[in-house]
Amino acid sequence: MTGTGTGPGSETPYLRRARHRYVTACALFWLPLGLTIAPLVLLFTERGMSPAAIAGFFAVHSLTVAALELPTGGLSDVLGRRTVLAAAGLLMLTAFTLEGLGTAPWVLTAGMAFAGAGRALSSGPAEAWYVDTVQAHGGPGADLRTGLAHGSAATAAALATGTLFGGTLPWLLGLGPDIGARLSAATGHVVLPLSVPLLLGATVEIAFVLYVLTALREPPRPAATLRGALRGIPATVADGLRLGGRDPLVRRVLLSAGAVGCALAAIELLTPGRAAAFTGASESGAVLYAALSCAGFLCSAAGSHAAPLTARISGGGERAVLAGLGTSTLGLVLLGVTAASTGALSLVLAITGYGLVYLGLGAASPSERDLLHRRVTSAGRATALSVQSLALQLAGALAGLAVGALPQGPLPWLLSSAALLAGALLWARRGEPADPGSTCRQAPQAHGASQAREA
């Protein structure tokens, strides 16, 4: 590492504490979401909801995230990271409570909408806080990739732990009708065994909000009123959108995020059906899917943890992104070529491909975000992250519709792998003379994005 920054080996105690706090915040936020992955659909089914209604609930979630992604990113840049992140935790607390206890469709719809709003609010503030802190105390050349990699690893590990625990918690606790009745009497609501992981997630969200408010300290900023904040959001959002148009490297980040969205859409929509087909029943298929998801998140954590090493071996952040997305593409191809087979070898290859997809995405993400952060200033950082997230989610939504319309078999997998390969090839030609981790070439932001700093 050159310049005024510090490498991971020479990290000051202050920056080390900042990294630990960022990692803890990532884990606390994503653990509750992991707890809901396995039981949520089954809980809605137990509540008497039809498959069409459940699909509608998830559509509400996706549309809420898409509608609020950019405005809430701008809100973080105007009001501050800690404020918006705490609000995200409160929204998720409300969502898990409504989803865990609600029985009426409108209550469950409201819960999914709150979850979408919380997810949109959470997109970027913690990471932006970490990068701001590191660059404020370590200089513009300070090492970012190590902390971002640790944050990604913590996120993946929390999701893996939550998915496994949330899928097995009712069985582990031996919850039966009598215990469910006692919980229902205590809360005044109908509590099913599958509700417990969501209610536990709501409890963790309380700890998350308290931690954010006490640990993620920000420097004093000019006071911002809600009216002033809302007035500043359009300019901040416009700056974030213009950034992708004027900066080729940022444009590559956004396009590759869209490619990743296509890959994840295929994984999330097609893997549960394959798991159920393999086990012969939806219930046992759900257990297998939970185990696969846990393994995938662990592979993602391993890839994220190895991201700094990957960048050093490959010769820089851009080459690391190419290597990571290329590995994920190979994984999707393996899933595609085995989609029509049922033999033991095909199963081994499919599981290997599933792991490679997440390993590669985990390895690519920290370097990709490191490149992005070195192109933006603090005033537009969370907005840039929201634009990246929006590109992923919109592409994923469109790809999901396409995957659902295509016949079952290798074709959906192979088309998704082609999209991801296109995203990987964007990084085949280096756009920087050296590893961006050793320089700090930040694009200037328009004045509208810098009028209000984080409070």
Protein backbone atom coordinates (compact mmCIF):
# COMPACT_ATOMS: atom_id res chain seq x y z
CA MET A 1 0.00 0.00 0.00
CA THR A 2 1.36 3.34 -0.97
CA GLY A 3 0.38 6.86 -0.24
CA THR A 4 -0.68 8.18 3.11
CA GLY A 5 -2.96 5.28 3.93
CA THR A 6 -2.32 2.41 6.19
CA GLY A 7 -2.29 -1.20 5.19
CA PRO A 8 -3.97 -3.88 7.19
CA GLY A 9 -0.73 -4.73 8.96
CA SER A 10 -0.22 -1.17 10.19
CA GLU A 11 -3.81 -0.43 11.16
CA THR A 12 -4.12 1.99 14.07
CA PRO A 13 -6.18 0.99 17.13
CA TYR A 14 -8.83 3.56 16.19
CA LEU A 15 -9.24 2.19 12.67
CA ARG A 16 -9.23 -1.36 14.01
CA ARG A 17 -12.09 -0.45 16.37
CA ALA A 18 -13.96 1.15 13.48
CA ARG A 19 -13.58 -2.02 11.45
CA HIS A 20 -14.81 -4.16 14.34
CA ARG A 21 -17.84 -1.91 14.82
CA TYR A 22 -18.66 -2.03 11.13
CA VAL A 23 -18.38 -5.83 11.10
CA THR A 24 -20.60 -6.10 14.19
CA ALA A 25 -23.22 -3.81 12.65
CA CYS A 26 -23.26 -5.96 9.48
CA ALA A 27 -23.71 -9.15 11.47
CA LEU A 28 -26.45 -7.73 13.71
CA PHE A 29 -28.46 -6.40 10.76
CA TRP A 30 -28.29 -9.51 8.59
CA LEU A 31 -28.73 -12.17 11.26
CA PRO A 32 -32.49 -11.46 11.67
CA LEU A 33 -32.98 -11.57 7.91
CA GLY A 34 -31.27 -14.94 7.83
CA LEU A 35 -33.62 -16.20 10.54
CA THR A 36 -36.60 -15.54 8.25
CA ILE A 37 -35.32 -17.14 5.02
CA ALA A 38 -36.41 -20.72 5.74
CA PRO A 39 -39.67 -20.26 7.72
CA LEU A 40 -41.26 -17.23 6.06
CA VAL A 41 -43.05 -18.87 3.12
CA LEU A 42 -44.05 -21.84 5.25
CA LEU A 43 -45.43 -19.50 7.91
CA PHE A 44 -47.55 -17.66 5.35
CA THR A 45 -48.83 -21.02 4.14
CA GLU A 46 -49.71 -22.05 7.69
CA ARG A 47 -51.64 -18.79 8.01
CA GLY A 48 -53.83 -19.97 5.13
CA MET A 49 -52.35 -17.76 2.41
CA SER A 50 -52.51 -19.05 -1.16
CA PRO A 51 -49.41 -19.25 -3.37
CA ALA A 52 -50.71 -16.27 -5.37
CA ALA A 53 -51.10 -14.23 -2.20
CA ILE A 54 -47.59 -15.15 -1.05
CA ALA A 55 -46.20 -14.11 -4.43
CA GLY A 56 -48.06 -10.83 -4.00
CA PHE A 57 -46.45 -10.28 -0.58
CA PHE A 58 -42.98 -10.69 -2.05
CA ALA A 59 -43.88 -8.43 -4.97
CA VAL A 60 -44.84 -5.72 -2.47
CA HIS A 61 -41.45 -6.14 -0.82
CA SER A 62 -39.54 -5.91 -4.10
CA LEU A 63 -41.49 -2.92 -5.38
CA THR A 64 -41.03 -1.08 -2.09
CA VAL A 65 -37.28 -1.63 -2.20
CA ALA A 66 -37.08 -0.48 -5.82
CA ALA A 67 -39.19 2.62 -5.19
CA LEU A 68 -37.25 3.73 -2.12
CA GLU A 69 -33.71 2.64 -2.98
CA LEU A 70 -32.47 5.91 -4.44
CA PRO A 71 -34.46 8.37 -2.26
CA THR A 72 -33.34 6.64 0.92
CA GLY A 73 -29.74 6.54 -0.27
CA GLY A 74 -29.92 10.30 -0.70
CA LEU A 75 -31.55 10.61 2.71
CA SER A 76 -28.53 8.92 4.29
CA ASP A 77 -26.19 11.36 2.59
CA VAL A 78 -28.30 14.27 3.86
CA LEU A 79 -29.31 13.23 7.38
CA GLY A 80 -26.44 10.96 8.30
CA ARG A 81 -25.53 7.29 8.35
CA ARG A 82 -26.41 6.49 11.96
CA THR A 83 -29.87 8.08 11.86
CA VAL A 84 -30.96 6.28 8.72
CA LEU A 85 -29.44 2.97 9.80
CA ALA A 86 -31.29 3.11 13.14
CA ALA A 87 -34.51 3.89 11.27
CA ALA A 88 -33.90 0.84 9.09
CA GLY A 89 -33.61 -1.31 12.20
CA LEU A 90 -36.88 0.05 13.59
CA LEU A 91 -38.66 -0.66 10.31
CA MET A 92 -37.34 -4.21 10.27
CA LEU A 93 -38.42 -4.65 13.90
CA THR A 94 -41.94 -3.63 12.89
CA ALA A 95 -41.86 -5.88 9.83
CA PHE A 96 -40.81 -9.01 11.71
CA THR A 97 -43.42 -8.39 14.39
CA LEU A 98 -46.23 -7.99 11.84
CA GLU A 99 -45.10 -11.01 9.81
CA GLY A 100 -44.67 -13.18 12.89
CA LEU A 101 -47.99 -12.34 14.53
CA GLY A 102 -50.21 -11.22 11.66
CA THR A 103 -52.97 -13.40 10.29
CA ALA A 104 -54.84 -11.05 7.93
CA PRO A 105 -53.50 -10.50 4.40
CA TRP A 106 -53.35 -6.72 4.84
CA VAL A 107 -51.21 -7.11 7.98
CA LEU A 108 -48.79 -9.41 6.20
CA THR A 109 -48.71 -7.04 3.23
CA ALA A 110 -47.86 -4.17 5.57
CA GLY A 111 -45.13 -6.28 7.15
CA MET A 112 -43.53 -6.97 3.77
CA ALA A 113 -43.78 -3.29 2.85
CA PHE A 114 -42.05 -2.30 6.10
CA ALA A 115 -39.37 -4.91 5.39
CA GLY A 116 -38.84 -3.45 1.93
CA ALA A 117 -38.53 0.06 3.34
CA GLY A 118 -36.06 -1.13 5.98
CA ARG A 119 -34.03 -2.96 3.36
CA ALA A 120 -33.88 0.16 1.20
CA LEU A 121 -32.83 2.33 4.15
CA SER A 122 -30.08 -0.12 5.10
CA SER A 123 -28.49 -0.10 1.64
CA GLY A 124 -25.21 1.73 2.14
CA PRO A 125 -25.20 3.71 5.42
CA ALA A 126 -23.07 1.28 7.46
CA GLU A 127 -20.54 0.84 4.69
CA ALA A 128 -20.50 4.57 4.00
CA TRP A 129 -19.90 5.21 7.72
CA TYR A 130 -16.94 2.85 7.70
CA VAL A 131 -15.35 4.33 4.59
CA ASP A 132 -15.87 7.88 5.87
CA THR A 133 -14.25 6.97 9.19
CA VAL A 134 -11.27 5.22 7.60
CA GLN A 135 -10.55 8.01 5.15
CA ALA A 136 -11.03 10.72 7.77
CA HIS A 137 -8.45 9.16 10.13
CA GLY A 138 -6.23 7.13 7.80
CA GLY A 139 -6.01 9.40 4.80
CA PRO A 140 -7.43 9.02 1.31
CA GLY A 141 -5.13 6.09 0.56
CA ALA A 142 -6.08 4.08 3.63
CA ASP A 143 -6.85 0.41 3.10
CA LEU A 144 -10.58 -0.15 2.51
CA ARG A 145 -10.63 -3.60 1.00
CA THR A 146 -9.75 -5.46 4.19
CA GLY A 147 -12.58 -3.91 6.21
CA LEU A 148 -15.07 -4.29 3.36
CA ALA A 149 -14.05 -7.92 2.98
CA HIS A 150 -14.52 -8.54 6.70
CA GLY A 151 -17.93 -6.85 6.55
CA SER A 152 -19.00 -9.03 3.62
CA ALA A 153 -17.74 -12.13 5.41
CA ALA A 154 -19.66 -11.17 8.55
CA THR A 155 -22.81 -10.57 6.51
CA ALA A 156 -22.54 -13.96 4.82
CA ALA A 157 -21.76 -15.72 8.10
CA ALA A 158 -24.74 -14.06 9.79
CA LEU A 159 -27.03 -15.08 6.94
CA ALA A 160 -25.70 -18.64 7.04
CA THR A 161 -26.16 -18.89 10.81
CA GLY A 162 -29.59 -17.31 10.68
CA THR A 163 -30.79 -19.50 7.83
CA LEU A 164 -29.70 -22.71 9.52
CA PHE A 165 -30.98 -21.68 12.95
CA GLY A 166 -34.24 -20.23 11.65
CA GLY A 167 -34.97 -23.37 9.66
CA THR A 168 -34.38 -25.74 12.58
CA LEU A 169 -35.40 -23.62 15.58
CA PRO A 170 -38.99 -24.94 15.95
CA TRP A 171 -37.73 -28.52 15.90
CA LEU A 172 -34.80 -27.76 18.21
CA LEU A 173 -37.06 -26.19 20.80
CA GLY A 174 -39.57 -29.03 20.52
CA LEU A 175 -42.36 -26.55 19.96
CA GLY A 176 -45.75 -28.22 19.92
CA PRO A 177 -49.41 -27.21 20.18
CA ASP A 178 -49.23 -26.71 23.94
CA ILE A 179 -46.24 -24.36 23.79
CA GLY A 180 -47.80 -22.55 20.86
CA ALA A 181 -50.98 -22.10 22.87
CA ARG A 182 -49.02 -20.68 25.81
CA LEU A 183 -47.21 -18.24 23.53
CA SER A 184 -50.51 -17.23 21.95
CA ALA A 185 -52.04 -16.62 25.37
CA ALA A 186 -49.04 -14.58 26.47
CA THR A 187 -49.02 -12.33 23.40
CA GLY A 188 -52.72 -12.19 22.60
CA HIS A 189 -51.96 -13.31 19.05
CA VAL A 190 -51.85 -16.64 17.28
CA VAL A 191 -48.22 -17.76 17.58
CA LEU A 192 -47.17 -20.75 15.51
CA PRO A 193 -43.84 -22.52 15.91
CA LEU A 194 -42.75 -21.00 12.61
CA SER A 195 -43.40 -17.55 14.08
CA VAL A 196 -40.62 -17.89 16.65
CA PRO A 197 -37.65 -17.22 14.30
CA LEU A 198 -39.30 -13.97 13.15
CA LEU A 199 -40.01 -12.84 16.71
CA LEU A 200 -36.43 -13.68 17.63
CA GLY A 201 -35.32 -11.59 14.65
CA ALA A 202 -37.37 -8.68 15.99
CA THR A 203 -35.51 -8.99 19.30
CA VAL A 204 -32.15 -8.91 17.54
CA GLU A 205 -33.25 -5.76 15.71
CA ILE A 206 -33.62 -4.01 19.08
CA ALA A 207 -30.01 -4.87 19.85
CA PHE A 208 -29.01 -3.63 16.39
CA VAL A 209 -30.68 -0.25 16.85
CA LEU A 210 -29.10 0.23 20.28
CA TYR A 211 -25.69 -0.73 18.94
CA VAL A 212 -25.92 1.65 15.98
CA LEU A 213 -26.92 4.57 18.19
CA THR A 214 -24.10 3.97 20.68
CA ALA A 215 -21.22 2.60 18.59
CA LEU A 216 -21.38 4.28 15.17
CA ARG A 217 -20.35 7.74 16.24
CA GLU A 218 -20.21 10.43 13.57
CA PRO A 219 -18.49 13.83 13.67
CA PRO A 220 -20.72 16.84 14.32
CA ARG A 221 -22.48 17.97 11.20
CA PRO A 222 -24.62 20.99 10.35
CA ALA A 223 -28.16 20.53 11.64
CA ALA A 224 -30.62 19.38 8.98
CA THR A 225 -34.40 19.77 9.10
CA LEU A 226 -36.68 17.21 7.50
CA ARG A 227 -37.84 19.81 4.97
CA GLY A 228 -34.27 20.65 4.09
CA ALA A 229 -33.37 16.98 3.87
CA LEU A 230 -36.24 16.24 1.52
CA ARG A 231 -35.27 19.25 -0.59
CA GLY A 232 -31.72 17.95 -0.88
CA ILE A 233 -32.64 14.39 -1.85
CA PRO A 234 -33.45 15.01 -5.56
CA ALA A 235 -30.10 16.70 -6.18
CA THR A 236 -28.27 13.93 -4.37
CA VAL A 237 -30.10 11.24 -6.34
CA ALA A 238 -29.42 13.06 -9.62
CA ASP A 239 -25.73 13.21 -8.73
CA GLY A 240 -25.70 9.46 -8.11
CA LEU A 241 -27.36 8.72 -11.45
CA ARG A 242 -25.04 11.12 -13.32
CA LEU A 243 -22.02 9.45 -11.74
CA GLY A 244 -22.70 6.24 -13.62
CA GLY A 245 -22.97 8.17 -16.86
CA ARG A 246 -19.77 10.17 -16.60
CA ASP A 247 -17.41 7.64 -15.00
CA PRO A 248 -16.62 4.51 -17.04
CA LEU A 249 -15.43 2.55 -14.01
CA VAL A 250 -18.59 3.28 -12.04
CA ARG A 251 -20.60 2.33 -15.10
CA ARG A 252 -18.84 -1.05 -15.11
CA VAL A 253 -19.69 -1.49 -11.43
CA LEU A 254 -23.37 -0.82 -12.13
CA LEU A 255 -23.54 -3.08 -15.21
CA SER A 256 -21.84 -5.94 -13.41
CA ALA A 257 -24.25 -5.44 -10.49
CA GLY A 258 -27.09 -5.99 -12.94
CA ALA A 259 -25.40 -9.17 -14.17
CA VAL A 260 -25.11 -10.41 -10.59
CA GLY A 261 -28.82 -9.67 -10.12
CA CYS A 262 -29.63 -11.96 -13.06
CA ALA A 263 -27.53 -14.74 -11.53
CA LEU A 264 -29.10 -14.42 -8.10
CA ALA A 265 -32.61 -14.42 -9.58
CA ALA A 266 -31.92 -17.79 -11.20
CA ILE A 267 -30.41 -19.20 -8.02
CA GLU A 268 -33.24 -18.07 -5.75
CA LEU A 269 -36.10 -19.05 -8.06
CA LEU A 270 -34.82 -22.35 -9.42
CA THR A 271 -32.89 -23.93 -6.56
CA PRO A 272 -35.90 -24.60 -4.23
CA GLY A 273 -37.69 -26.53 -6.98
CA ARG A 274 -34.61 -28.60 -7.72
CA ALA A 275 -34.19 -29.37 -4.02
CA ALA A 276 -37.82 -30.48 -3.70
CA ALA A 277 -37.54 -32.60 -6.83
CA PHE A 278 -34.46 -34.29 -5.45
CA THR A 279 -35.97 -35.14 -2.06
CA GLY A 280 -39.43 -35.93 -3.42
CA ALA A 281 -41.39 -33.63 -1.08
CA SER A 282 -41.67 -29.89 -0.53
CA GLU A 283 -41.06 -30.12 3.23
CA SER A 284 -37.83 -32.08 2.94
CA GLY A 285 -36.90 -29.94 -0.04
CA ALA A 286 -37.21 -26.86 2.14
CA VAL A 287 -34.80 -28.38 4.66
CA LEU A 288 -32.33 -29.20 1.89
CA TYR A 289 -32.68 -25.67 0.52
CA ALA A 290 -31.95 -24.20 3.95
CA ALA A 291 -28.82 -26.32 4.16
CA LEU A 292 -27.75 -25.28 0.66
CA SER A 293 -28.39 -21.63 1.45
CA CYS A 294 -26.31 -21.91 4.59
CA ALA A 295 -23.48 -23.52 2.64
CA GLY A 296 -23.75 -20.84 -0.04
CA PHE A 297 -23.48 -18.04 2.50
CA LEU A 298 -20.47 -19.74 4.07
CA CYS A 299 -18.83 -19.93 0.63
CA SER A 300 -19.61 -16.24 0.16
CA ALA A 301 -18.01 -15.49 3.53
CA ALA A 302 -14.90 -17.45 2.55
CA GLY A 303 -14.68 -15.62 -0.76
CA SER A 304 -15.07 -12.24 0.93
CA HIS A 305 -12.44 -13.07 3.52
CA ALA A 306 -10.02 -14.02 0.73
CA ALA A 307 -10.77 -10.91 -1.36
CA PRO A 308 -7.62 -8.97 -0.35
CA LEU A 309 -5.47 -12.00 -1.16
CA THR A 310 -7.32 -12.46 -4.44
CA ALA A 311 -6.60 -8.85 -5.39
CA ARG A 312 -2.90 -9.23 -4.56
CA ILE A 313 -2.53 -12.48 -6.50
CA SER A 314 -4.52 -11.32 -9.52
CA GLY A 315 -2.77 -7.96 -9.74
CA GLY A 316 -5.39 -5.49 -8.58
CA GLY A 317 -9.03 -4.86 -7.74
CA GLU A 318 -10.28 -5.01 -11.33
CA ARG A 319 -8.61 -8.35 -11.98
CA ALA A 320 -10.04 -9.64 -8.71
CA VAL A 321 -13.56 -8.73 -9.86
CA LEU A 322 -12.92 -10.53 -13.15
CA ALA A 323 -11.68 -13.64 -11.34
CA GLY A 324 -14.59 -13.65 -8.90
CA LEU A 325 -17.34 -13.18 -11.48
CA GLY A 326 -15.65 -15.70 -13.75
CA THR A 327 -15.73 -18.27 -10.94
CA SER A 328 -19.43 -17.58 -10.39
CA THR A 329 -20.10 -17.97 -14.10
CA LEU A 330 -18.46 -21.40 -14.04
CA GLY A 331 -20.71 -22.33 -11.12
CA LEU A 332 -23.85 -21.31 -13.00
CA VAL A 333 -22.74 -23.31 -16.04
CA LEU A 334 -22.35 -26.39 -13.84
CA LEU A 335 -25.85 -25.84 -12.48
CA GLY A 336 -27.15 -25.50 -16.03
CA VAL A 337 -25.57 -28.58 -17.53
CA THR A 338 -26.78 -30.73 -14.63
CA ALA A 339 -30.34 -29.36 -14.58
CA ALA A 340 -31.76 -32.28 -16.58
CA SER A 341 -29.78 -35.00 -14.81
CA THR A 342 -30.50 -36.88 -11.58
CA GLY A 343 -27.42 -39.05 -11.10
CA ALA A 344 -24.96 -38.89 -8.21
CA LEU A 345 -22.29 -37.22 -10.35
CA SER A 346 -24.74 -34.56 -11.49
CA LEU A 347 -25.70 -33.89 -7.89
CA VAL A 348 -22.06 -33.44 -6.88
CA LEU A 349 -21.43 -31.12 -9.82
CA ALA A 350 -24.57 -29.10 -9.05
CA ILE A 351 -23.62 -28.65 -5.40
CA THR A 352 -20.10 -27.68 -6.47
CA GLY A 353 -21.53 -25.16 -8.92
CA TYR A 354 -23.79 -23.70 -6.24
CA GLY A 355 -20.80 -23.19 -3.97
CA LEU A 356 -18.70 -21.67 -6.77
CA VAL A 357 -21.41 -19.10 -7.52
CA TYR A 358 -21.35 -17.75 -3.98
CA LEU A 359 -17.60 -18.12 -3.55
CA GLY A 360 -16.98 -16.02 -6.65
CA LEU A 361 -19.55 -13.36 -5.74
CA GLY A 362 -18.04 -13.11 -2.26
CA ALA A 363 -14.54 -12.68 -3.69
CA ALA A 364 -15.59 -10.03 -6.23
CA SER A 365 -17.78 -7.82 -4.06
CA PRO A 366 -15.20 -6.17 -1.74
CA SER A 367 -12.89 -5.22 -4.61
CA GLU A 368 -15.83 -3.93 -6.66
CA ARG A 369 -17.01 -1.75 -3.79
CA ASP A 370 -13.46 -0.59 -3.10
CA LEU A 371 -13.27 0.65 -6.69
CA LEU A 372 -16.62 2.40 -6.31
CA HIS A 373 -15.71 4.15 -3.06
CA ARG A 374 -12.55 5.62 -4.58
CA ARG A 375 -14.65 7.27 -7.28
CA VAL A 376 -17.10 9.10 -5.03
CA THR A 377 -16.92 11.56 -2.18
CA SER A 378 -18.49 11.18 1.22
CA ALA A 379 -21.45 13.39 0.26
CA GLY A 380 -22.63 10.93 -2.39
CA ARG A 381 -21.28 7.63 -1.10
CA ALA A 382 -24.50 6.10 0.20
CA THR A 383 -26.33 7.26 -2.93
CA ALA A 384 -23.76 5.51 -5.13
CA LEU A 385 -24.25 2.31 -3.13
CA SER A 386 -28.00 2.63 -3.55
CA VAL A 387 -27.62 3.05 -7.32
CA GLN A 388 -25.54 -0.13 -7.35
CA SER A 389 -28.15 -1.98 -5.29
CA LEU A 390 -30.95 -0.67 -7.50
CA ALA A 391 -29.17 -1.93 -10.63
CA LEU A 392 -28.88 -5.38 -9.04
CA GLN A 393 -32.49 -5.52 -7.92
CA LEU A 394 -34.08 -4.19 -11.11
CA ALA A 395 -32.05 -6.56 -13.27
CA GLY A 396 -32.90 -9.37 -10.88
CA ALA A 397 -36.61 -8.58 -11.07
CA LEU A 398 -36.61 -8.61 -14.87
CA ALA A 399 -34.51 -11.76 -14.96
CA GLY A 400 -36.88 -13.39 -12.49
CA LEU A 401 -39.82 -12.75 -14.80
CA ALA A 402 -37.88 -14.22 -17.69
CA VAL A 403 -36.79 -17.26 -15.68
CA GLY A 404 -40.38 -17.89 -14.64
CA ALA A 405 -41.57 -17.79 -18.24
CA LEU A 406 -38.89 -20.12 -19.61
CA PRO A 407 -39.33 -23.91 -19.65
CA GLN A 408 -37.66 -25.86 -16.86
CA GLY A 409 -34.28 -27.31 -17.65
CA PRO A 410 -30.82 -26.00 -18.55
CA LEU A 411 -31.96 -22.96 -20.57
CA PRO A 412 -32.72 -20.52 -17.69
CA TRP A 413 -29.46 -21.40 -15.98
CA LEU A 414 -27.39 -21.01 -19.13
CA LEU A 415 -28.97 -17.67 -20.05
CA SER A 416 -28.23 -16.37 -16.56
CA SER A 417 -24.66 -17.61 -16.83
CA ALA A 418 -24.33 -15.77 -20.15
CA ALA A 419 -25.47 -12.55 -18.48
CA LEU A 420 -22.97 -13.02 -15.67
CA LEU A 421 -20.20 -13.81 -18.14
CA ALA A 422 -20.96 -10.53 -19.91
CA GLY A 423 -20.64 -8.74 -16.57
CA ALA A 424 -17.32 -10.46 -15.89
CA LEU A 425 -15.90 -9.57 -19.31
CA LEU A 426 -16.46 -5.89 -18.54
CA TRP A 427 -13.41 -6.20 -16.28
CA ALA A 428 -11.19 -8.00 -18.79
CA ARG A 429 -9.58 -4.69 -19.83
CA ARG A 430 -7.94 -2.76 -17.06
CA GLY A 431 -9.13 0.83 -16.79
CA GLU A 432 -6.56 1.88 -14.19
CA PRO A 433 -2.80 2.02 -14.56
CA ALA A 434 -2.42 0.52 -11.09
CA ASP A 435 -4.46 -1.09 -8.35
CA PRO A 436 -7.07 1.49 -7.30
CA GLY A 437 -6.40 0.44 -3.73
CA SER A 438 -3.09 2.32 -3.95
CA THR A 439 -4.56 5.57 -5.25
CA CYS A 440 -7.50 7.79 -4.56
CA ARG A 441 -9.03 9.18 -7.72
CA GLN A 442 -12.37 10.47 -6.55
CA ALA A 443 -14.68 12.05 -9.02
CA PRO A 444 -15.99 15.44 -7.89
CA GLN A 445 -19.62 15.54 -6.91
CA ALA A 446 -22.01 18.25 -7.94
CA HIS A 447 -22.67 20.91 -5.35
CA GLY A 448 -26.15 19.63 -4.65
CA ALA A 449 -24.82 16.42 -3.14
CA SER A 450 -22.35 18.16 -0.86
CA GLN A 451 -24.58 20.88 0.57
CA ALA A 452 -25.57 18.72 3.54
CA ARG A 453 -23.07 16.38 5.18
CA GLU A 454 -23.88 13.50 7.54
CA ALA A 455 -25.34 14.66 10.85
